[in-house]
């Protein structure tokens, strides 16, 4: 949905990590280190992701943001 978003995240300075260089500890103990598809991990905050997506959406004239609303019901 957002082509080039990964490049924007990297340009914003987010670290890219090799998952095989990390140690994972869970309630079951240390997890094995492996990457089935050799993918890297891109580490970023939710705030940064929200900001980049909102900035892209704001460039679209068909998108309008509703500010100051209150959610009264869901689903």
C-alpha atoms as a PDB file:
ATOM      1  CA  UNK A   1       0.000   0.000   0.000  1.00  0.00           C
ATOM      2  CA  UNK A   2       2.921   2.352   0.642  1.00  0.00           C
ATOM      3  CA  UNK A   3       5.708   1.688  -1.841  1.00  0.00           C
ATOM      4  CA  UNK A   4       9.037   3.083  -0.725  1.00  0.00           C
ATOM      5  CA  UNK A   5       8.016   3.244   2.944  1.00  0.00           C
ATOM      6  CA  UNK A   6      10.939   1.057   3.970  1.00  0.00           C
ATOM      7  CA  UNK A   7      13.314   3.488   2.247  1.00  0.00           C
ATOM      8  CA  UNK A   8      11.703   6.401   4.115  1.00  0.00           C
ATOM      9  CA  UNK A   9      12.135   4.580   7.425  1.00  0.00           C
ATOM     10  CA  UNK A  10      15.805   3.941   6.667  1.00  0.00           C
ATOM     11  CA  UNK A  11      16.272   7.582   5.591  1.00  0.00           C
ATOM     12  CA  UNK A  12      14.762   8.608   8.948  1.00  0.00           C
ATOM     13  CA  UNK A  13      17.607   6.720  10.625  1.00  0.00           C
ATOM     14  CA  UNK A  14      15.952   3.524  11.849  1.00  0.00           C
ATOM     15  CA  UNK A  15      18.364   0.666  12.493  1.00  0.00           C
ATOM     16  CA  UNK A  16      18.343  -2.453  10.326  1.00  0.00           C
ATOM     17  CA  UNK A  17      19.320  -5.576  12.221  1.00  0.00           C
ATOM     18  CA  UNK A  18      20.241  -9.107  11.276  1.00  0.00           C
ATOM     19  CA  UNK A  19      17.850 -11.264  13.325  1.00  0.00           C
ATOM     20  CA  UNK A  20      20.563 -13.908  13.670  1.00  0.00           C
ATOM     21  CA  UNK A  21      22.648 -11.422  15.650  1.00  0.00           C
ATOM     22  CA  UNK A  22      19.963 -11.035  18.328  1.00  0.00           C
ATOM     23  CA  UNK A  23      19.244 -13.113  21.397  1.00  0.00           C
ATOM     24  CA  UNK A  24      15.546 -13.612  22.172  1.00  0.00           C
ATOM     25  CA  UNK A  25      14.377 -14.483  25.651  1.00  0.00           C
ATOM     26  CA  UNK A  26      10.796 -15.598  26.225  1.00  0.00           C
ATOM     27  CA  UNK A  27       8.891 -17.203  29.096  1.00  0.00           C
ATOM     28  CA  UNK A  28      10.024 -20.533  27.626  1.00  0.00           C
ATOM     29  CA  UNK A  29      13.700 -19.506  27.745  1.00  0.00           C
ATOM     30  CA  UNK A  30      16.189 -18.479  25.079  1.00  0.00           C
ATOM     31  CA  UNK A  31      14.832 -18.858  21.563  1.00  0.00           C
ATOM     32  CA  UNK A  32      16.889 -20.414  18.779  1.00  0.00           C
ATOM     33  CA  UNK A  33      18.531 -17.971  16.383  1.00  0.00           C
ATOM     34  CA  UNK A  34      17.451 -18.541  12.816  1.00  0.00           C
ATOM     35  CA  UNK A  35      15.885 -16.691   9.920  1.00  0.00           C
ATOM     36  CA  UNK A  36      13.992 -18.882   7.497  1.00  0.00           C
ATOM     37  CA  UNK A  37      13.924 -16.262   4.713  1.00  0.00           C
ATOM     38  CA  UNK A  38      17.057 -14.198   5.450  1.00  0.00           C
ATOM     39  CA  UNK A  39      14.978 -11.079   6.117  1.00  0.00           C
ATOM     40  CA  UNK A  40      16.393  -8.190   8.082  1.00  0.00           C
ATOM     41  CA  UNK A  41      14.526  -6.521  10.933  1.00  0.00           C
ATOM     42  CA  UNK A  42      13.719  -2.841  10.675  1.00  0.00           C
ATOM     43  CA  UNK A  43      13.330  -1.364  14.149  1.00  0.00           C
ATOM     44  CA  UNK A  44      11.083   1.708  14.399  1.00  0.00           C
ATOM     45  CA  UNK A  45       8.571   3.278  16.730  1.00  0.00           C
ATOM     46  CA  UNK A  46       4.829   3.317  16.159  1.00  0.00           C
ATOM     47  CA  UNK A  47       4.947   7.125  16.313  1.00  0.00           C
ATOM     48  CA  UNK A  48       7.409   7.286  13.413  1.00  0.00           C
ATOM     49  CA  UNK A  49       5.368   4.853  11.324  1.00  0.00           C
ATOM     50  CA  UNK A  50       2.144   6.783  12.015  1.00  0.00           C
ATOM     51  CA  UNK A  51       3.832  10.092  11.122  1.00  0.00           C
ATOM     52  CA  UNK A  52       5.236   8.816   7.809  1.00  0.00           C
ATOM     53  CA  UNK A  53       1.922   7.258   6.768  1.00  0.00           C
ATOM     54  CA  UNK A  54      -0.082  10.318   7.806  1.00  0.00           C
ATOM     55  CA  UNK A  55       2.310  12.554   5.839  1.00  0.00           C
ATOM     56  CA  UNK A  56       1.787  10.407   2.740  1.00  0.00           C
ATOM     57  CA  UNK A  57      -1.987  10.370   3.155  1.00  0.00           C
ATOM     58  CA  UNK A  58      -2.050  14.153   3.603  1.00  0.00           C
ATOM     59  CA  UNK A  59      -0.566  14.494   0.102  1.00  0.00           C
ATOM     60  CA  UNK A  60      -3.671  12.776  -1.322  1.00  0.00           C
ATOM     61  CA  UNK A  61      -6.465  15.267  -2.063  1.00  0.00           C
ATOM     62  CA  UNK A  62      -9.072  12.506  -1.612  1.00  0.00           C
ATOM     63  CA  UNK A  63      -8.137  11.995   2.050  1.00  0.00           C
ATOM     64  CA  UNK A  64      -9.448  14.274   4.806  1.00  0.00           C
ATOM     65  CA  UNK A  65      -8.580  14.003   8.485  1.00  0.00           C
ATOM     66  CA  UNK A  66     -11.245  14.353  11.173  1.00  0.00           C
ATOM     67  CA  UNK A  67      -9.680  16.076  14.179  1.00  0.00           C
ATOM     68  CA  UNK A  68     -11.088  16.184  17.694  1.00  0.00           C
ATOM     69  CA  UNK A  69     -13.690  13.454  17.241  1.00  0.00           C
ATOM     70  CA  UNK A  70     -14.848  11.010  19.888  1.00  0.00           C
ATOM     71  CA  UNK A  71     -15.363   7.297  19.299  1.00  0.00           C
ATOM     72  CA  UNK A  72     -18.702   6.288  20.799  1.00  0.00           C
ATOM     73  CA  UNK A  73     -19.095   2.766  19.388  1.00  0.00           C
ATOM     74  CA  UNK A  74     -17.036   0.165  17.690  1.00  0.00           C
ATOM     75  CA  UNK A  75     -17.787  -2.641  15.297  1.00  0.00           C
END
